[in-house]
Protein backbone atom coordinates (compact mmCIF):
# COMPACT_ATOMS: atom_id res chain seq x y z
CA MET A 1 162.86 -44.56 -35.16
CA LYS A 2 160.77 -46.66 -37.49
CA ARG A 3 160.49 -44.62 -40.70
CA ILE A 4 162.52 -41.81 -42.30
CA ILE A 5 161.83 -39.74 -45.41
CA LEU A 6 165.10 -39.11 -47.24
CA THR A 7 166.03 -37.00 -50.24
CA GLY A 8 169.16 -37.82 -52.19
CA GLY A 9 169.40 -41.41 -51.03
CA SER A 10 170.55 -43.00 -54.27
CA ASP A 11 174.25 -42.28 -53.76
CA GLY A 12 176.83 -40.41 -51.67
CA LEU A 13 176.07 -39.43 -48.10
CA GLY A 14 172.36 -40.20 -48.37
CA LYS A 15 173.06 -43.76 -49.45
CA GLU A 16 175.50 -44.39 -46.59
CA PHE A 17 173.00 -42.95 -44.09
CA ALA A 18 170.14 -45.06 -45.46
CA LYS A 19 172.16 -48.28 -45.34
CA LYS A 20 173.01 -47.71 -41.68
CA CYS A 21 169.37 -47.06 -40.83
CA ILE A 22 168.15 -50.14 -42.71
CA LYS A 23 170.55 -52.33 -40.71
CA ASP A 24 168.65 -51.21 -37.60
CA GLY A 25 165.28 -52.02 -39.12
CA ILE A 26 164.33 -48.44 -40.00
CA GLU A 27 162.16 -48.09 -43.10
CA ILE A 28 163.52 -45.56 -45.59
CA ILE A 29 161.41 -43.66 -48.11
CA VAL A 30 163.75 -42.23 -50.73
CA LEU A 31 162.84 -39.32 -52.97
CA SER A 32 165.28 -39.33 -55.89
CA ARG A 33 165.48 -39.62 -59.65
CA ASN A 34 167.38 -42.92 -59.60
CA LYS A 35 166.25 -46.01 -57.72
CA PRO A 36 168.69 -46.93 -54.93
CA ASP A 37 170.44 -50.31 -55.00
CA TYR A 38 169.31 -51.23 -51.47
CA PRO A 39 165.89 -52.18 -50.02
CA CYS A 40 163.74 -49.09 -49.60
CA ILE A 41 160.53 -47.44 -50.72
CA HIS A 42 161.49 -45.39 -53.76
CA VAL A 43 159.42 -42.43 -54.89
CA LYS A 44 160.82 -41.34 -58.25
CA THR A 45 161.27 -37.60 -57.86
CA ASP A 46 163.20 -34.94 -59.71
CA LEU A 47 163.72 -32.41 -56.94
CA SER A 48 164.05 -29.58 -59.45
CA ILE A 49 160.50 -30.10 -60.77
CA GLU A 50 157.55 -28.73 -58.80
CA LYS A 51 155.00 -31.28 -60.01
CA ASP A 52 157.31 -34.14 -58.99
CA LEU A 53 157.59 -32.70 -55.49
CA ILE A 54 153.83 -32.23 -55.19
CA ARG A 55 153.22 -35.78 -56.37
CA ALA A 56 155.79 -37.16 -53.90
CA CYS A 57 154.27 -35.21 -51.01
CA ASN A 58 150.78 -36.42 -51.87
CA TYR A 59 152.03 -39.99 -52.09
CA ILE A 60 153.55 -39.73 -48.63
CA LYS A 61 150.39 -38.16 -47.20
CA ASP A 62 148.22 -40.91 -48.69
CA ASN A 63 150.43 -43.91 -47.86
CA TYR A 64 153.09 -43.10 -45.24
CA ASP A 65 151.67 -40.33 -43.09
CA GLU A 66 153.43 -41.64 -39.98
CA PHE A 67 157.18 -41.01 -39.99
CA ASP A 68 159.87 -40.11 -37.48
CA ALA A 69 162.17 -37.81 -39.45
CA VAL A 70 162.68 -35.94 -42.69
CA VAL A 71 166.31 -35.88 -43.80
CA ASN A 72 167.20 -33.53 -46.64
CA CYS A 73 170.46 -34.92 -47.96
CA ALA A 74 170.16 -34.23 -51.69
CA GLY A 75 172.62 -31.81 -53.17
CA THR A 76 174.19 -30.64 -56.39
CA ILE A 77 177.09 -28.32 -57.05
CA SER A 78 178.43 -25.71 -59.44
CA LEU A 79 181.93 -24.28 -59.14
CA ASP A 80 181.89 -21.80 -62.01
CA PRO A 81 183.91 -18.61 -61.46
CA ILE A 82 181.87 -15.68 -60.17
CA ASP A 83 181.98 -13.92 -63.55
CA SER A 84 180.84 -17.03 -65.44
CA ILE A 85 177.77 -18.18 -63.49
CA SER A 86 175.01 -19.31 -65.81
CA TYR A 87 171.36 -18.72 -65.02
CA HIS A 88 170.65 -22.39 -65.74
CA ASP A 89 173.15 -23.59 -63.13
CA LEU A 90 171.99 -21.03 -60.60
CA ASP A 91 168.37 -22.04 -61.12
CA TYR A 92 169.06 -25.78 -60.87
CA VAL A 93 171.38 -25.63 -57.85
CA TYR A 94 168.96 -23.48 -55.88
CA LYS A 95 166.02 -25.70 -56.78
CA VAL A 96 167.75 -28.87 -55.54
CA ASN A 97 169.73 -27.49 -52.59
CA SER A 98 167.29 -25.06 -51.01
CA MET A 99 163.92 -24.75 -52.74
CA ALA A 100 163.10 -28.47 -52.79
CA PRO A 101 163.78 -29.15 -49.09
CA ILE A 102 161.92 -26.00 -48.03
CA PHE A 103 158.96 -26.89 -50.25
CA LEU A 104 158.96 -30.50 -49.01
CA ILE A 105 158.95 -29.45 -45.37
CA SER A 106 156.26 -26.85 -46.03
CA ASN A 107 153.98 -29.46 -47.60
CA LEU A 108 154.60 -32.05 -44.89
CA LEU A 109 154.60 -29.63 -41.94
CA PRO A 110 151.16 -30.66 -40.56
CA LEU A 111 152.34 -34.29 -40.47
CA ILE A 112 155.72 -33.29 -39.02
CA LYS A 113 153.92 -31.54 -36.18
CA LYS A 114 151.43 -34.38 -35.68
CA ASN A 115 154.16 -37.01 -35.61
CA GLY A 116 156.67 -34.94 -33.64
CA ALA A 117 159.05 -35.81 -36.48
CA ASP A 118 162.59 -34.43 -36.57
CA ILE A 119 164.07 -32.51 -39.50
CA LEU A 120 167.73 -32.88 -40.41
CA ASN A 121 168.95 -30.56 -43.16
CA VAL A 122 172.36 -31.28 -44.64
CA THR A 123 173.88 -27.97 -45.69
CA SER A 124 177.64 -27.45 -46.03
CA ILE A 125 180.48 -26.01 -44.03
CA THR A 126 180.70 -23.39 -46.79
CA SER A 127 177.41 -21.92 -45.52
CA THR A 128 179.23 -20.93 -42.31
CA MET A 129 182.39 -19.46 -43.85
CA PHE A 130 183.32 -16.13 -45.37
CA ASP A 131 186.81 -16.83 -46.70
CA ILE A 132 185.97 -19.49 -49.26
CA SER A 133 186.68 -19.30 -52.97
CA ALA A 134 184.31 -17.13 -54.99
CA ASP A 135 183.99 -20.10 -57.35
CA ALA A 136 181.72 -21.66 -54.72
CA MET A 137 179.27 -18.73 -54.71
CA THR A 138 176.33 -20.60 -56.30
CA TYR A 139 176.74 -23.70 -54.14
CA SER A 140 177.51 -22.03 -50.82
CA SER A 141 174.76 -19.43 -51.14
CA SER A 142 172.18 -22.14 -51.90
CA LYS A 143 173.27 -24.05 -48.81
CA SER A 144 173.22 -20.85 -46.77
CA ALA A 145 169.57 -20.44 -47.76
CA LEU A 146 168.78 -23.90 -46.38
CA ARG A 147 170.71 -23.14 -43.20
CA SER A 148 168.69 -19.95 -42.73
CA ALA A 149 165.46 -21.88 -43.31
CA SER A 150 166.47 -24.35 -40.59
CA ILE A 151 166.81 -21.52 -38.08
CA MET A 152 163.30 -20.32 -38.92
CA LEU A 153 161.91 -23.85 -38.75
CA LYS A 154 163.30 -24.27 -35.27
CA LYS A 155 161.23 -21.29 -34.13
CA GLU A 156 158.15 -22.57 -35.97
CA LEU A 157 158.39 -25.90 -34.14
CA ASP A 158 158.81 -24.46 -30.65
CA GLY A 159 156.30 -26.25 -28.45
CA TYR A 160 156.39 -29.43 -30.56
CA PRO A 161 158.55 -32.52 -29.93
CA SER A 162 160.14 -32.07 -33.35
CA ARG A 163 163.82 -31.13 -33.45
CA VAL A 164 165.48 -29.21 -36.27
CA ILE A 165 169.10 -30.19 -36.86
CA THR A 166 171.33 -28.25 -39.23
CA PHE A 167 174.24 -30.35 -40.42
CA ASN A 168 177.24 -28.55 -41.96
CA PRO A 169 179.78 -31.13 -43.15
CA GLY A 170 183.12 -30.31 -44.71
CA GLY A 171 184.20 -31.66 -48.08
CA MET A 172 183.36 -35.32 -48.58
CA ASN A 173 184.50 -37.87 -51.14
CA THR A 174 181.00 -38.52 -52.49
CA GLY A 175 181.53 -38.00 -56.21
CA LEU A 176 179.47 -34.79 -56.14
CA VAL A 177 182.23 -32.63 -57.61
CA GLY A 178 183.05 -35.27 -60.22
CA LYS A 179 179.46 -35.29 -61.40
CA TRP A 180 179.71 -31.57 -62.06
CA ASN A 181 183.04 -31.87 -63.86
CA ASN A 182 184.94 -35.13 -64.12
CA ASP A 183 188.22 -33.23 -64.43
CA TYR A 184 187.87 -32.31 -60.74
CA SER A 185 187.28 -35.85 -59.44
CA ASP A 186 190.77 -36.32 -58.05
CA MET A 187 190.57 -33.24 -55.84
CA CYS A 188 188.16 -35.06 -53.52
CA LYS A 189 189.97 -38.36 -53.09
CA ASP A 190 191.44 -37.40 -49.69
CA TRP A 191 188.29 -35.70 -48.42
CA ILE A 192 186.06 -37.12 -45.64
CA ASP A 193 184.58 -40.57 -46.17
CA PRO A 194 180.78 -40.04 -46.04
CA VAL A 195 180.44 -43.22 -43.95
CA TYR A 196 181.66 -41.32 -40.89
CA ILE A 197 179.37 -38.36 -41.48
CA ALA A 198 176.45 -40.78 -41.83
CA ASP A 199 177.36 -42.28 -38.44
CA VAL A 200 177.08 -38.86 -36.79
CA MET A 201 173.76 -38.10 -38.49
CA LYS A 202 172.23 -41.35 -37.34
CA TYR A 203 173.56 -40.93 -33.81
CA VAL A 204 172.15 -37.42 -33.43
CA LEU A 205 168.71 -38.55 -34.59
CA SER A 206 168.78 -41.52 -32.20
CA LEU A 207 169.32 -39.36 -29.11
CA PRO A 208 166.41 -38.95 -26.67
CA LYS A 209 163.99 -36.16 -27.57
CA GLN A 210 165.12 -34.19 -24.51
CA ILE A 211 168.46 -33.66 -26.27
CA GLU A 212 168.34 -31.18 -29.14
CA ILE A 213 171.56 -30.55 -31.00
CA SER A 214 170.51 -27.67 -33.20
CA GLU A 215 173.60 -27.38 -35.38
CA ILE A 216 176.68 -29.45 -36.08
CA THR A 217 179.66 -28.32 -38.15
CA ILE A 218 182.24 -30.92 -39.10
CA ASP A 219 185.42 -29.51 -40.56
CA ARG A 220 187.80 -31.35 -42.84
CA LYS A 221 191.28 -31.53 -41.34
CA LYS A 222 193.66 -30.07 -43.91
């Protein structure tokens, strides 16, 4: 791999993944609001805003039309109880977690096909479970939407070298929950270190094209 387009690369799992790729000489194009603190090409993008996404896609088409993978790693969370979900949170979480990656892939699909580029969508283990807390309804349903889109993308790319990889990690200590509510920061301190998840992501993408691992679920040992 020589170049990867990455959403959510300014912190958390995306940052750890990008740093590992850069060590191997892979160029990273990061779409995020905040500029990462490592060498990369940064395209300032608020993933919840349509015009930002369109501008980012056009920039990529005009300047970096050759790439090897699109990795959708951006994510946000809401853990409001089921009877207290706000429309604002629902709208924002869905825009970042499912609408933005689907829209990005849709806009870049001709280039993905031309390049034989892989797609790796980071969802969540909650998108595969049915016995989780109802407080995770907004988050898990938004990730389930992205997981469903990955299945459809796989069919769309039959006959092309491109692979579609759905990645369902368990709870990680990325600071995501703390961003939503700082009072919940401590609950994640013993969760998975994102460094190890980033290792698996990079390894899967580095495998020969003949090997297609369509979906990986990584549970957190309780």
